C-alpha cells in the first residue's frame, strides 16, 4: 500500500497572539458593527493562543483590493511552498527529480496557470510531472488531498507523489465587511503551508505509516453550511453555527460505517488525526465519539498554537504525530468542509 514518507510544515514569520488580534479586531469593527462588544469574547472562547499569519498585523488594517490580496497570495504561496517542498524532500531522503506527481490543495486564492505549474517552474522539477490542482474543498482539502495522492500512488507503484497544501486565510479578510460571519472568522482563521511525500509500493515498503482506505461523503441539502460568497471585494466567508450539530448527528455513524467495511471498530483507532475547526467543533467530536482520555490532544495543540488554517491544519496535526510519536495500530484522519462534506483516511501506523 502507499506510504507517507515525510511531512513538513512552515512556521510563518508573523506569529501573533490571539490577544493582539482581538484588540485589533475591536478597533476595526467597533465603529460600524454594533455587535462588536457582545461578540468580542468569541476570541477568548476559541482556546487559540497564537495565530499563524503570513503578514504583519498592520497589513490587515490597511485598505487593499482583491487584486492586491490575491497577488500577495500567489507570491507568498510560491515562496513558502518551495521552502516546504525542499524540507520534505530532504526528510524523505529523495531527490526532487524523483517526484512523479504533484497535487496542490488550496481554497484561499486564485492562480492560472495553477500554483503547481508555478512550483514546477520555480524548482525546475521534471517537466513531465503529472499535475492535479485541487481547489474549493476548504477545511476538508488536506484529508481529501491525502486520499487522492494515495490513490495516485496506489495506481502507480513507481510513483513518488508530492502533496502541497497552502491556505492563506488572512489574505481573504475583507476589511469593510461588517457581518457576523466575517467577525467570527477573524477570531479563528490563520495561515499555513505543508508538504508531504507519498510513495508507491515499489519505494515505501519500510515506511512506518501506510495508507489503508479513504471515504468521502456529501450531505444533501447542506450547501449553505460553509463556503465563500464571491464579491467584487473578494472572498466573503460563509459558515453556519450548525456545524457542531452536524458533527453530533452524523460523525459517529459515518466513522463506524466506514470502519465496519474493514471489520474494525472505533476502539481499533489508536491515533485520531482530526482537523480542528474550532473549540465547539472539537467539543462536538469529543461528545459524539466518547472515546475517553484526551484523544484529540495533538489536534487541540495545533489549533492552540496556530489557529484554524483550513485544509492545512490536519497536515500539521499529522506532522506532530510523526515527530512526537504515535501508538501502533490504526490512525484516522478526518475533516469536514464545504458541501457540507466529510473526508476520512484510514492509516496503518507502526513504530519501526
C-alpha atoms as a PDB file:
ATOM      1  CA  UNK A   1       0.000   0.000   0.000  1.00  0.00           C
ATOM      2  CA  UNK A   2       1.149   3.623  -0.483  1.00  0.00           C
ATOM      3  CA  UNK A   3       3.133   5.095   2.394  1.00  0.00           C
ATOM      4  CA  UNK A   4       3.672   8.541   3.875  1.00  0.00           C
ATOM      5  CA  UNK A   5       7.420   9.107   3.772  1.00  0.00           C
ATOM      6  CA  UNK A   6       7.576  12.594   5.296  1.00  0.00           C
ATOM      7  CA  UNK A   7       5.582  15.703   6.206  1.00  0.00           C
ATOM      8  CA  UNK A   8       6.912  19.238   6.573  1.00  0.00           C
ATOM      9  CA  UNK A   9       5.234  22.404   7.785  1.00  0.00           C
ATOM     10  CA  UNK A  10       6.068  26.094   7.674  1.00  0.00           C
ATOM     11  CA  UNK A  11       6.422  28.341  10.701  1.00  0.00           C
ATOM     12  CA  UNK A  12       5.404  31.669   9.221  1.00  0.00           C
ATOM     13  CA  UNK A  13       7.333  34.801  10.261  1.00  0.00           C
ATOM     14  CA  UNK A  14       4.420  36.727  11.761  1.00  0.00           C
ATOM     15  CA  UNK A  15       3.081  34.663  14.627  1.00  0.00           C
ATOM     16  CA  UNK A  16       0.672  36.883  16.528  1.00  0.00           C
ATOM     17  CA  UNK A  17      -1.016  36.347  19.873  1.00  0.00           C
ATOM     18  CA  UNK A  18      -4.764  35.961  19.901  1.00  0.00           C
ATOM     19  CA  UNK A  19      -4.985  38.859  22.333  1.00  0.00           C
ATOM     20  CA  UNK A  20      -3.273  41.172  19.826  1.00  0.00           C
ATOM     21  CA  UNK A  21      -5.645  40.079  17.078  1.00  0.00           C
ATOM     22  CA  UNK A  22      -8.618  40.592  19.395  1.00  0.00           C
ATOM     23  CA  UNK A  23      -7.561  44.146  20.194  1.00  0.00           C
ATOM     24  CA  UNK A  24      -7.058  44.974  16.535  1.00  0.00           C
ATOM     25  CA  UNK A  25     -10.406  43.423  15.554  1.00  0.00           C
ATOM     26  CA  UNK A  26     -12.167  45.540  18.170  1.00  0.00           C
ATOM     27  CA  UNK A  27     -10.634  48.674  16.667  1.00  0.00           C
ATOM     28  CA  UNK A  28     -11.542  47.655  13.109  1.00  0.00           C
ATOM     29  CA  UNK A  29     -15.116  46.550  13.748  1.00  0.00           C
ATOM     30  CA  UNK A  30     -16.469  48.537  16.695  1.00  0.00           C
ATOM     31  CA  UNK A  31     -17.359  51.710  14.779  1.00  0.00           C
ATOM     32  CA  UNK A  32     -19.542  50.048  12.127  1.00  0.00           C
ATOM     33  CA  UNK A  33     -20.508  46.687  13.668  1.00  0.00           C
ATOM     34  CA  UNK A  34     -22.877  47.219  16.605  1.00  0.00           C
ATOM     35  CA  UNK A  35     -22.448  43.657  17.914  1.00  0.00           C
ATOM     36  CA  UNK A  36     -18.694  44.024  18.429  1.00  0.00           C
ATOM     37  CA  UNK A  37     -18.780  44.453  22.206  1.00  0.00           C
ATOM     38  CA  UNK A  38     -21.123  41.480  22.600  1.00  0.00           C
ATOM     39  CA  UNK A  39     -19.219  39.131  20.273  1.00  0.00           C
ATOM     40  CA  UNK A  40     -15.629  40.158  21.030  1.00  0.00           C
ATOM     41  CA  UNK A  41     -15.433  37.440  23.680  1.00  0.00           C
ATOM     42  CA  UNK A  42     -15.536  34.879  20.847  1.00  0.00           C
ATOM     43  CA  UNK A  43     -11.787  35.475  20.579  1.00  0.00           C
ATOM     44  CA  UNK A  44     -11.336  34.236  24.149  1.00  0.00           C
ATOM     45  CA  UNK A  45     -13.589  31.201  23.692  1.00  0.00           C
ATOM     46  CA  UNK A  46     -11.586  29.736  20.792  1.00  0.00           C
ATOM     47  CA  UNK A  47      -8.762  28.457  23.043  1.00  0.00           C
ATOM     48  CA  UNK A  48      -6.375  29.785  20.382  1.00  0.00           C
ATOM     49  CA  UNK A  49      -3.216  31.258  21.916  1.00  0.00           C
ATOM     50  CA  UNK A  50      -1.231  32.290  18.844  1.00  0.00           C
ATOM     51  CA  UNK A  51      -2.124  32.673  15.169  1.00  0.00           C
ATOM     52  CA  UNK A  52      -0.001  31.862  12.123  1.00  0.00           C
ATOM     53  CA  UNK A  53      -0.075  34.887   9.773  1.00  0.00           C
ATOM     54  CA  UNK A  54       1.862  35.497   6.571  1.00  0.00           C
ATOM     55  CA  UNK A  55       1.830  39.286   7.030  1.00  0.00           C
ATOM     56  CA  UNK A  56       2.321  41.641   9.974  1.00  0.00           C
ATOM     57  CA  UNK A  57      -0.843  42.751  11.719  1.00  0.00           C
ATOM     58  CA  UNK A  58      -0.538  46.232  10.215  1.00  0.00           C
ATOM     59  CA  UNK A  59      -1.114  44.778   6.732  1.00  0.00           C
ATOM     60  CA  UNK A  60      -4.685  43.794   7.603  1.00  0.00           C
ATOM     61  CA  UNK A  61      -5.578  47.252   8.874  1.00  0.00           C
ATOM     62  CA  UNK A  62      -4.693  48.871   5.553  1.00  0.00           C
ATOM     63  CA  UNK A  63      -7.172  49.144   2.699  1.00  0.00           C
ATOM     64  CA  UNK A  64      -6.342  46.666  -0.068  1.00  0.00           C
ATOM     65  CA  UNK A  65      -8.144  45.491  -3.188  1.00  0.00           C
ATOM     66  CA  UNK A  66      -8.989  41.905  -4.023  1.00  0.00           C
ATOM     67  CA  UNK A  67      -6.382  42.064  -6.783  1.00  0.00           C
ATOM     68  CA  UNK A  68      -3.666  43.179  -4.361  1.00  0.00           C
ATOM     69  CA  UNK A  69      -4.537  40.470  -1.835  1.00  0.00           C
ATOM     70  CA  UNK A  70      -4.647  37.769  -4.485  1.00  0.00           C
ATOM     71  CA  UNK A  71      -1.267  38.851  -5.858  1.00  0.00           C
ATOM     72  CA  UNK A  72       0.084  38.532  -2.322  1.00  0.00           C
ATOM     73  CA  UNK A  73      -1.455  35.059  -2.161  1.00  0.00           C
ATOM     74  CA  UNK A  74       0.355  33.936  -5.323  1.00  0.00           C
ATOM     75  CA  UNK A  75       3.775  35.283  -4.334  1.00  0.00           C
ATOM     76  CA  UNK A  76       3.543  34.113  -0.719  1.00  0.00           C
ATOM     77  CA  UNK A  77       2.160  30.681  -1.621  1.00  0.00           C
ATOM     78  CA  UNK A  78       5.007  30.132  -4.074  1.00  0.00           C
ATOM     79  CA  UNK A  79       7.737  31.296  -1.692  1.00  0.00           C
ATOM     80  CA  UNK A  80       6.697  29.108   1.216  1.00  0.00           C
ATOM     81  CA  UNK A  81       5.630  26.127  -0.893  1.00  0.00           C
ATOM     82  CA  UNK A  82       9.182  25.981  -2.206  1.00  0.00           C
ATOM     83  CA  UNK A  83      10.536  26.046   1.358  1.00  0.00           C
ATOM     84  CA  UNK A  84       8.174  23.278   2.484  1.00  0.00           C
ATOM     85  CA  UNK A  85       8.999  21.129  -0.551  1.00  0.00           C
ATOM     86  CA  UNK A  86      12.747  21.488  -0.125  1.00  0.00           C
ATOM     87  CA  UNK A  87      12.355  20.446   3.513  1.00  0.00           C
ATOM     88  CA  UNK A  88      10.091  17.447   2.855  1.00  0.00           C
ATOM     89  CA  UNK A  89      12.291  16.174   0.017  1.00  0.00           C
ATOM     90  CA  UNK A  90      15.253  16.210   2.402  1.00  0.00           C
ATOM     91  CA  UNK A  91      13.246  14.485   5.150  1.00  0.00           C
ATOM     92  CA  UNK A  92      12.062  11.784   2.742  1.00  0.00           C
ATOM     93  CA  UNK A  93      15.594  11.117   1.533  1.00  0.00           C
ATOM     94  CA  UNK A  94      14.743  11.608  -2.122  1.00  0.00           C
ATOM     95  CA  UNK A  95      15.753  13.949  -4.911  1.00  0.00           C
ATOM     96  CA  UNK A  96      13.320  16.495  -6.290  1.00  0.00           C
ATOM     97  CA  UNK A  97      13.898  14.777  -9.651  1.00  0.00           C
ATOM     98  CA  UNK A  98      12.254  11.633  -8.239  1.00  0.00           C
ATOM     99  CA  UNK A  99       8.848  13.345  -7.940  1.00  0.00           C
ATOM    100  CA  UNK A 100       6.379  11.917 -10.453  1.00  0.00           C
ATOM    101  CA  UNK A 101       3.175  13.695  -9.400  1.00  0.00           C
ATOM    102  CA  UNK A 102       2.185  16.909  -7.642  1.00  0.00           C
ATOM    103  CA  UNK A 103      -1.152  17.685  -6.021  1.00  0.00           C
ATOM    104  CA  UNK A 104      -1.747  21.249  -4.873  1.00  0.00           C
ATOM    105  CA  UNK A 105      -4.588  21.946  -2.423  1.00  0.00           C
ATOM    106  CA  UNK A 106      -5.967  25.395  -1.611  1.00  0.00           C
ATOM    107  CA  UNK A 107      -9.179  27.393  -1.301  1.00  0.00           C
ATOM    108  CA  UNK A 108      -7.943  30.865  -0.376  1.00  0.00           C
ATOM    109  CA  UNK A 109      -6.532  32.287  -3.595  1.00  0.00           C
ATOM    110  CA  UNK A 110      -6.667  32.043  -7.370  1.00  0.00           C
ATOM    111  CA  UNK A 111      -3.938  31.358  -9.922  1.00  0.00           C
ATOM    112  CA  UNK A 112      -3.932  30.329 -13.580  1.00  0.00           C
ATOM    113  CA  UNK A 113      -1.532  28.814 -14.508  1.00  0.00           C
ATOM    114  CA  UNK A 114      -2.220  26.940 -11.285  1.00  0.00           C
ATOM    115  CA  UNK A 115       0.214  27.043  -8.369  1.00  0.00           C
ATOM    116  CA  UNK A 116       1.580  23.578  -9.144  1.00  0.00           C
ATOM    117  CA  UNK A 117       2.788  24.889 -12.508  1.00  0.00           C
ATOM    118  CA  UNK A 118       4.496  27.829 -10.804  1.00  0.00           C
ATOM    119  CA  UNK A 119       6.146  25.442  -8.336  1.00  0.00           C
ATOM    120  CA  UNK A 120       7.419  23.135 -11.097  1.00  0.00           C
ATOM    121  CA  UNK A 121       8.841  26.127 -12.933  1.00  0.00           C
ATOM    122  CA  UNK A 122      10.463  27.651  -9.829  1.00  0.00           C
ATOM    123  CA  UNK A 123      12.031  24.417  -8.589  1.00  0.00           C
ATOM    124  CA  UNK A 124      12.805  23.099 -12.047  1.00  0.00           C
ATOM    125  CA  UNK A 125      11.044  19.830 -11.298  1.00  0.00           C
ATOM    126  CA  UNK A 126      10.753  17.226 -14.028  1.00  0.00           C
ATOM    127  CA  UNK A 127       8.633  18.949 -16.709  1.00  0.00           C
ATOM    128  CA  UNK A 128       6.719  15.691 -17.178  1.00  0.00           C
ATOM    129  CA  UNK A 129       5.421  15.661 -13.597  1.00  0.00           C
ATOM    130  CA  UNK A 130       1.706  14.856 -13.554  1.00  0.00           C
ATOM    131  CA  UNK A 131      -0.275  17.734 -12.058  1.00  0.00           C
ATOM    132  CA  UNK A 132      -3.517  17.854 -10.107  1.00  0.00           C
ATOM    133  CA  UNK A 133      -4.638  21.197  -8.632  1.00  0.00           C
ATOM    134  CA  UNK A 134      -7.477  20.759  -6.111  1.00  0.00           C
ATOM    135  CA  UNK A 135      -9.484  23.880  -5.327  1.00  0.00           C
ATOM    136  CA  UNK A 136     -12.599  24.584  -3.265  1.00  0.00           C
ATOM    137  CA  UNK A 137     -12.518  21.734  -0.737  1.00  0.00           C
ATOM    138  CA  UNK A 138     -11.990  24.122   2.163  1.00  0.00           C
ATOM    139  CA  UNK A 139     -11.146  22.578   5.526  1.00  0.00           C
ATOM    140  CA  UNK A 140     -11.638  19.077   4.093  1.00  0.00           C
ATOM    141  CA  UNK A 141      -8.930  19.596   1.462  1.00  0.00           C
ATOM    142  CA  UNK A 142      -5.989  18.231   3.447  1.00  0.00           C
ATOM    143  CA  UNK A 143      -7.601  14.852   4.055  1.00  0.00           C
ATOM    144  CA  UNK A 144      -9.064  14.717   0.556  1.00  0.00           C
ATOM    145  CA  UNK A 145      -5.659  15.608  -0.880  1.00  0.00           C
ATOM    146  CA  UNK A 146      -4.043  12.794   1.100  1.00  0.00           C
ATOM    147  CA  UNK A 147      -6.662  10.355  -0.188  1.00  0.00           C
ATOM    148  CA  UNK A 148      -6.138  11.419  -3.793  1.00  0.00           C
ATOM    149  CA  UNK A 149      -2.344  11.398  -3.507  1.00  0.00           C
ATOM    150  CA  UNK A 150      -2.521   7.891  -2.074  1.00  0.00           C
ATOM    151  CA  UNK A 151      -4.847   6.797  -4.878  1.00  0.00           C
ATOM    152  CA  UNK A 152      -2.286   8.014  -7.421  1.00  0.00           C
ATOM    153  CA  UNK A 153       0.480   6.120  -5.612  1.00  0.00           C
ATOM    154  CA  UNK A 154      -1.689   3.017  -5.391  1.00  0.00           C
ATOM    155  CA  UNK A 155      -2.363   3.105  -9.132  1.00  0.00           C
ATOM    156  CA  UNK A 156       1.338   3.512  -9.933  1.00  0.00           C
ATOM    157  CA  UNK A 157       3.727   1.589  -7.641  1.00  0.00           C
ATOM    158  CA  UNK A 158       6.599   3.653  -9.051  1.00  0.00           C
ATOM    159  CA  UNK A 159       5.001   6.973  -8.103  1.00  0.00           C
ATOM    160  CA  UNK A 160       6.517   9.452  -5.696  1.00  0.00           C
ATOM    161  CA  UNK A 161       3.744  11.954  -5.068  1.00  0.00           C
ATOM    162  CA  UNK A 162       4.206  15.446  -3.695  1.00  0.00           C
ATOM    163  CA  UNK A 163       1.176  16.827  -1.858  1.00  0.00           C
ATOM    164  CA  UNK A 164       1.274  20.553  -1.110  1.00  0.00           C
ATOM    165  CA  UNK A 165      -1.430  22.419   0.804  1.00  0.00           C
ATOM    166  CA  UNK A 166      -1.480  26.202   1.172  1.00  0.00           C
ATOM    167  CA  UNK A 167      -4.116  28.268   2.914  1.00  0.00           C
ATOM    168  CA  UNK A 168      -3.587  31.986   3.443  1.00  0.00           C
ATOM    169  CA  UNK A 169      -6.911  32.648   5.105  1.00  0.00           C
ATOM    170  CA  UNK A 170      -5.802  36.009   6.490  1.00  0.00           C
ATOM    171  CA  UNK A 171      -5.498  37.399   2.957  1.00  0.00           C
ATOM    172  CA  UNK A 172      -9.210  36.797   2.364  1.00  0.00           C
ATOM    173  CA  UNK A 173     -10.231  39.207   5.130  1.00  0.00           C
ATOM    174  CA  UNK A 174     -12.449  41.929   3.686  1.00  0.00           C
ATOM    175  CA  UNK A 175     -11.738  44.909   5.890  1.00  0.00           C
ATOM    176  CA  UNK A 176     -15.092  46.645   5.341  1.00  0.00           C
ATOM    177  CA  UNK A 177     -17.292  43.534   5.658  1.00  0.00           C
ATOM    178  CA  UNK A 178     -19.160  44.203   8.879  1.00  0.00           C
ATOM    179  CA  UNK A 179     -21.020  40.887   9.003  1.00  0.00           C
ATOM    180  CA  UNK A 180     -21.159  38.434  11.865  1.00  0.00           C
ATOM    181  CA  UNK A 181     -19.541  35.679   9.777  1.00  0.00           C
ATOM    182  CA  UNK A 182     -16.572  37.909   8.912  1.00  0.00           C
ATOM    183  CA  UNK A 183     -16.193  38.954  12.535  1.00  0.00           C
ATOM    184  CA  UNK A 184     -16.279  35.381  13.846  1.00  0.00           C
ATOM    185  CA  UNK A 185     -13.984  34.272  11.021  1.00  0.00           C
ATOM    186  CA  UNK A 186     -11.451  36.876  12.127  1.00  0.00           C
ATOM    187  CA  UNK A 187     -11.296  35.124  15.517  1.00  0.00           C
ATOM    188  CA  UNK A 188     -10.437  31.698  14.049  1.00  0.00           C
ATOM    189  CA  UNK A 189      -8.674  31.568  10.709  1.00  0.00           C
ATOM    190  CA  UNK A 190      -4.971  31.826  10.008  1.00  0.00           C
ATOM    191  CA  UNK A 191      -2.306  30.767   7.510  1.00  0.00           C
ATOM    192  CA  UNK A 192      -0.354  27.574   6.935  1.00  0.00           C
ATOM    193  CA  UNK A 193       1.679  25.661   4.370  1.00  0.00           C
ATOM    194  CA  UNK A 194       2.531  21.956   4.444  1.00  0.00           C
ATOM    195  CA  UNK A 195       4.069  19.406   2.088  1.00  0.00           C
ATOM    196  CA  UNK A 196       4.002  15.597   2.117  1.00  0.00           C
ATOM    197  CA  UNK A 197       5.714  12.847   0.168  1.00  0.00           C
ATOM    198  CA  UNK A 198       3.643   9.727  -0.561  1.00  0.00           C
ATOM    199  CA  UNK A 199       5.418   6.752  -2.114  1.00  0.00           C
ATOM    200  CA  UNK A 200       4.137   3.893  -4.234  1.00  0.00           C
ATOM    201  CA  UNK A 201       4.680   0.257  -3.234  1.00  0.00           C
ATOM    202  CA  UNK A 202       7.986  -0.071  -5.044  1.00  0.00           C
ATOM    203  CA  UNK A 203       9.532   2.545  -2.724  1.00  0.00           C
ATOM    204  CA  UNK A 204       7.660   2.535   0.550  1.00  0.00           C
ATOM    205  CA  UNK A 205       7.864  -0.991   1.915  1.00  0.00           C
ATOM    206  CA  UNK A 206       9.806   0.080   5.007  1.00  0.00           C
ATOM    207  CA  UNK A 207       7.795   3.197   5.842  1.00  0.00           C
ATOM    208  CA  UNK A 208       6.001   3.301   9.179  1.00  0.00           C
ATOM    209  CA  UNK A 209       2.756   4.961   8.051  1.00  0.00           C
ATOM    210  CA  UNK A 210       0.797   3.404   5.208  1.00  0.00           C
ATOM    211  CA  UNK A 211      -2.466   4.292   3.517  1.00  0.00           C
ATOM    212  CA  UNK A 212      -5.271   1.755   4.020  1.00  0.00           C
ATOM    213  CA  UNK A 213      -8.512   3.279   2.699  1.00  0.00           C
ATOM    214  CA  UNK A 214     -10.466   6.531   2.284  1.00  0.00           C
ATOM    215  CA  UNK A 215     -14.059   7.716   2.395  1.00  0.00           C
ATOM    216  CA  UNK A 216     -15.883  10.818   1.167  1.00  0.00           C
ATOM    217  CA  UNK A 217     -19.419  11.920   1.957  1.00  0.00           C
ATOM    218  CA  UNK A 218     -21.503  14.838   0.742  1.00  0.00           C
ATOM    219  CA  UNK A 219     -24.550  15.668   2.852  1.00  0.00           C
ATOM    220  CA  UNK A 220     -27.566  16.565   0.723  1.00  0.00           C
ATOM    221  CA  UNK A 221     -29.216  19.977   1.127  1.00  0.00           C
ATOM    222  CA  UNK A 222     -26.459  21.483   3.248  1.00  0.00           C
ATOM    223  CA  UNK A 223     -24.750  23.762   0.726  1.00  0.00           C
ATOM    224  CA  UNK A 224     -25.224  26.843   2.891  1.00  0.00           C
ATOM    225  CA  UNK A 225     -23.337  25.486   5.914  1.00  0.00           C
ATOM    226  CA  UNK A 226     -19.866  26.566   4.764  1.00  0.00           C
ATOM    227  CA  UNK A 227     -18.237  28.247   1.791  1.00  0.00           C
ATOM    228  CA  UNK A 228     -17.397  31.501   0.030  1.00  0.00           C
ATOM    229  CA  UNK A 229     -19.640  34.145  -1.446  1.00  0.00           C
ATOM    230  CA  UNK A 230     -17.674  35.748  -4.271  1.00  0.00           C
ATOM    231  CA  UNK A 231     -17.968  39.521  -4.348  1.00  0.00           C
ATOM    232  CA  UNK A 232     -16.208  42.376  -6.120  1.00  0.00           C
ATOM    233  CA  UNK A 233     -14.253  42.940  -2.909  1.00  0.00           C
ATOM    234  CA  UNK A 234     -13.098  39.313  -2.613  1.00  0.00           C
ATOM    235  CA  UNK A 235     -13.984  36.082  -0.808  1.00  0.00           C
ATOM    236  CA  UNK A 236     -16.704  36.611   1.800  1.00  0.00           C
ATOM    237  CA  UNK A 237     -16.669  33.799   4.340  1.00  0.00           C
ATOM    238  CA  UNK A 238     -19.874  31.875   5.000  1.00  0.00           C
ATOM    239  CA  UNK A 239     -20.282  29.342   7.769  1.00  0.00           C
ATOM    240  CA  UNK A 240     -23.125  28.243   9.981  1.00  0.00           C
ATOM    241  CA  UNK A 241     -23.457  27.719  13.702  1.00  0.00           C
ATOM    242  CA  UNK A 242     -24.956  24.317  12.759  1.00  0.00           C
ATOM    243  CA  UNK A 243     -21.554  22.687  12.115  1.00  0.00           C
ATOM    244  CA  UNK A 244     -21.251  21.175  15.636  1.00  0.00           C
ATOM    245  CA  UNK A 245     -24.839  19.917  15.270  1.00  0.00           C
ATOM    246  CA  UNK A 246     -23.889  18.186  12.017  1.00  0.00           C
ATOM    247  CA  UNK A 247     -20.995  16.502  13.782  1.00  0.00           C
ATOM    248  CA  UNK A 248     -23.148  15.335  16.678  1.00  0.00           C
ATOM    249  CA  UNK A 249     -25.757  13.930  14.314  1.00  0.00           C
ATOM    250  CA  UNK A 250     -23.529  12.220  11.754  1.00  0.00           C
ATOM    251  CA  UNK A 251     -19.899  11.669  12.690  1.00  0.00           C
ATOM    252  CA  UNK A 252     -20.241   8.527  14.842  1.00  0.00           C
ATOM    253  CA  UNK A 253     -22.398   6.762  12.268  1.00  0.00           C
ATOM    254  CA  UNK A 254     -20.111   7.848   9.425  1.00  0.00           C
ATOM    255  CA  UNK A 255     -16.950   6.639  11.144  1.00  0.00           C
ATOM    256  CA  UNK A 256     -18.370   3.332  12.350  1.00  0.00           C
ATOM    257  CA  UNK A 257     -19.869   2.664   8.925  1.00  0.00           C
ATOM    258  CA  UNK A 258     -16.525   3.316   7.266  1.00  0.00           C
ATOM    259  CA  UNK A 259     -14.622   1.129   9.729  1.00  0.00           C
ATOM    260  CA  UNK A 260     -17.131  -1.714   9.567  1.00  0.00           C
ATOM    261  CA  UNK A 261     -16.206  -2.248   5.902  1.00  0.00           C
ATOM    262  CA  UNK A 262     -12.875  -3.498   7.209  1.00  0.00           C
ATOM    263  CA  UNK A 263     -14.267  -5.332  10.250  1.00  0.00           C
ATOM    264  CA  UNK A 264     -12.940  -2.589  12.500  1.00  0.00           C
ATOM    265  CA  UNK A 265     -14.490  -0.709  15.397  1.00  0.00           C
ATOM    266  CA  UNK A 266     -13.884   2.740  16.825  1.00  0.00           C
ATOM    267  CA  UNK A 267     -11.838   1.130  19.597  1.00  0.00           C
ATOM    268  CA  UNK A 268      -9.351  -0.059  16.955  1.00  0.00           C
ATOM    269  CA  UNK A 269      -8.358   3.549  16.196  1.00  0.00           C
ATOM    270  CA  UNK A 270      -5.319   4.478  18.260  1.00  0.00           C
ATOM    271  CA  UNK A 271      -4.429   7.802  16.614  1.00  0.00           C
ATOM    272  CA  UNK A 272      -7.061  10.456  15.864  1.00  0.00           C
ATOM    273  CA  UNK A 273      -5.660  12.929  13.325  1.00  0.00           C
ATOM    274  CA  UNK A 274      -8.557  15.370  13.068  1.00  0.00           C
ATOM    275  CA  UNK A 275      -8.941  18.838  11.620  1.00  0.00           C
ATOM    276  CA  UNK A 276      -9.708  21.296  14.448  1.00  0.00           C
ATOM    277  CA  UNK A 277     -12.446  23.531  13.091  1.00  0.00           C
ATOM    278  CA  UNK A 278     -12.651  25.324  16.425  1.00  0.00           C
ATOM    279  CA  UNK A 279     -13.340  24.651  20.091  1.00  0.00           C
ATOM    280  CA  UNK A 280     -17.036  23.916  19.510  1.00  0.00           C
ATOM    281  CA  UNK A 281     -16.171  21.510  16.708  1.00  0.00           C
ATOM    282  CA  UNK A 282     -13.645  19.656  18.865  1.00  0.00           C
ATOM    283  CA  UNK A 283     -16.127  19.523  21.735  1.00  0.00           C
ATOM    284  CA  UNK A 284     -18.695  18.057  19.330  1.00  0.00           C
ATOM    285  CA  UNK A 285     -16.219  15.351  18.241  1.00  0.00           C
ATOM    286  CA  UNK A 286     -15.468  14.589  21.895  1.00  0.00           C
ATOM    287  CA  UNK A 287     -19.139  14.286  22.794  1.00  0.00           C
ATOM    288  CA  UNK A 288     -20.135  12.300  19.711  1.00  0.00           C
ATOM    289  CA  UNK A 289     -17.316   9.760  19.818  1.00  0.00           C
ATOM    290  CA  UNK A 290     -16.906   9.437  23.603  1.00  0.00           C
ATOM    291  CA  UNK A 291     -13.532   7.719  23.184  1.00  0.00           C
ATOM    292  CA  UNK A 292     -12.191   8.789  26.554  1.00  0.00           C
ATOM    293  CA  UNK A 293      -8.911  10.400  27.565  1.00  0.00           C
ATOM    294  CA  UNK A 294      -7.868  13.431  25.534  1.00  0.00           C
ATOM    295  CA  UNK A 295      -7.808  11.600  22.215  1.00  0.00           C
ATOM    296  CA  UNK A 296      -7.687  14.924  20.366  1.00  0.00           C
ATOM    297  CA  UNK A 297      -4.783  16.357  22.364  1.00  0.00           C
ATOM    298  CA  UNK A 298      -2.440  16.872  19.396  1.00  0.00           C
ATOM    299  CA  UNK A 299      -5.280  18.352  17.353  1.00  0.00           C
ATOM    300  CA  UNK A 300      -6.026  20.832  20.147  1.00  0.00           C
ATOM    301  CA  UNK A 301      -2.364  21.742  20.471  1.00  0.00           C
ATOM    302  CA  UNK A 302      -2.107  22.555  16.768  1.00  0.00           C
ATOM    303  CA  UNK A 303      -5.200  24.759  16.981  1.00  0.00           C
ATOM    304  CA  UNK A 304      -3.933  26.459  20.162  1.00  0.00           C
ATOM    305  CA  UNK A 305      -0.595  27.255  18.531  1.00  0.00           C
ATOM    306  CA  UNK A 306      -1.726  28.200  15.021  1.00  0.00           C
ATOM    307  CA  UNK A 307      -5.469  28.794  14.718  1.00  0.00           C
ATOM    308  CA  UNK A 308      -7.643  27.229  12.039  1.00  0.00           C
ATOM    309  CA  UNK A 309      -5.534  27.014   8.875  1.00  0.00           C
ATOM    310  CA  UNK A 310      -8.321  25.390   6.830  1.00  0.00           C
ATOM    311  CA  UNK A 311      -7.119  22.376   4.793  1.00  0.00           C
ATOM    312  CA  UNK A 312      -3.518  22.628   6.004  1.00  0.00           C
ATOM    313  CA  UNK A 313      -4.312  22.188   9.692  1.00  0.00           C
ATOM    314  CA  UNK A 314      -4.786  18.410   9.629  1.00  0.00           C
ATOM    315  CA  UNK A 315      -1.376  18.036   7.965  1.00  0.00           C
ATOM    316  CA  UNK A 316       0.190  19.994  10.841  1.00  0.00           C
ATOM    317  CA  UNK A 317      -1.544  17.508  13.156  1.00  0.00           C
ATOM    318  CA  UNK A 318      -0.154  14.594  11.141  1.00  0.00           C
ATOM    319  CA  UNK A 319       3.320  16.142  11.293  1.00  0.00           C
ATOM    320  CA  UNK A 320       3.004  16.389  15.081  1.00  0.00           C
ATOM    321  CA  UNK A 321       2.150  12.684  15.317  1.00  0.00           C
ATOM    322  CA  UNK A 322       5.139  11.770  13.154  1.00  0.00           C
ATOM    323  CA  UNK A 323       7.517  13.994  15.125  1.00  0.00           C
ATOM    324  CA  UNK A 324       6.265  13.328  18.670  1.00  0.00           C
ATOM    325  CA  UNK A 325       5.188   9.709  18.356  1.00  0.00           C
ATOM    326  CA  UNK A 326       2.057   7.633  17.966  1.00  0.00           C
ATOM    327  CA  UNK A 327       0.612   4.312  19.066  1.00  0.00           C
ATOM    328  CA  UNK A 328       0.992   1.184  16.985  1.00  0.00           C
ATOM    329  CA  UNK A 329      -2.254   0.438  15.197  1.00  0.00           C
ATOM    330  CA  UNK A 330      -4.690   2.335  13.031  1.00  0.00           C
ATOM    331  CA  UNK A 331      -4.866   6.083  12.565  1.00  0.00           C
ATOM    332  CA  UNK A 332      -7.869   8.024  11.312  1.00  0.00           C
ATOM    333  CA  UNK A 333      -7.556  11.353   9.521  1.00  0.00           C
ATOM    334  CA  UNK A 334     -10.810  13.318   9.359  1.00  0.00           C
ATOM    335  CA  UNK A 335     -12.033  16.746   8.328  1.00  0.00           C
ATOM    336  CA  UNK A 336     -15.294  18.378   7.333  1.00  0.00           C
ATOM    337  CA  UNK A 337     -15.700  21.082   4.729  1.00  0.00           C
ATOM    338  CA  UNK A 338     -17.950  22.873   2.249  1.00  0.00           C
ATOM    339  CA  UNK A 339     -20.659  20.861   0.627  1.00  0.00           C
ATOM    340  CA  UNK A 340     -21.312  20.146   3.527  1.00  0.00           C
ATOM    341  CA  UNK A 341     -18.946  17.192   3.391  1.00  0.00           C
ATOM    342  CA  UNK A 342     -16.653  14.886   5.321  1.00  0.00           C
ATOM    343  CA  UNK A 343     -13.392  13.230   4.312  1.00  0.00           C
ATOM    344  CA  UNK A 344     -11.660  10.318   6.038  1.00  0.00           C
ATOM    345  CA  UNK A 345      -8.381   8.473   5.506  1.00  0.00           C
ATOM    346  CA  UNK A 346      -7.548   5.258   7.370  1.00  0.00           C
ATOM    347  CA  UNK A 347      -3.849   4.678   8.057  1.00  0.00           C
ATOM    348  CA  UNK A 348      -1.804   1.833   9.475  1.00  0.00           C
ATOM    349  CA  UNK A 349       0.851   3.207  11.836  1.00  0.00           C
ATOM    350  CA  UNK A 350       3.717   1.209  13.293  1.00  0.00           C
ATOM    351  CA  UNK A 351       6.834   2.146  15.235  1.00  0.00           C
ATOM    352  CA  UNK A 352       9.896   0.875  13.422  1.00  0.00           C
END
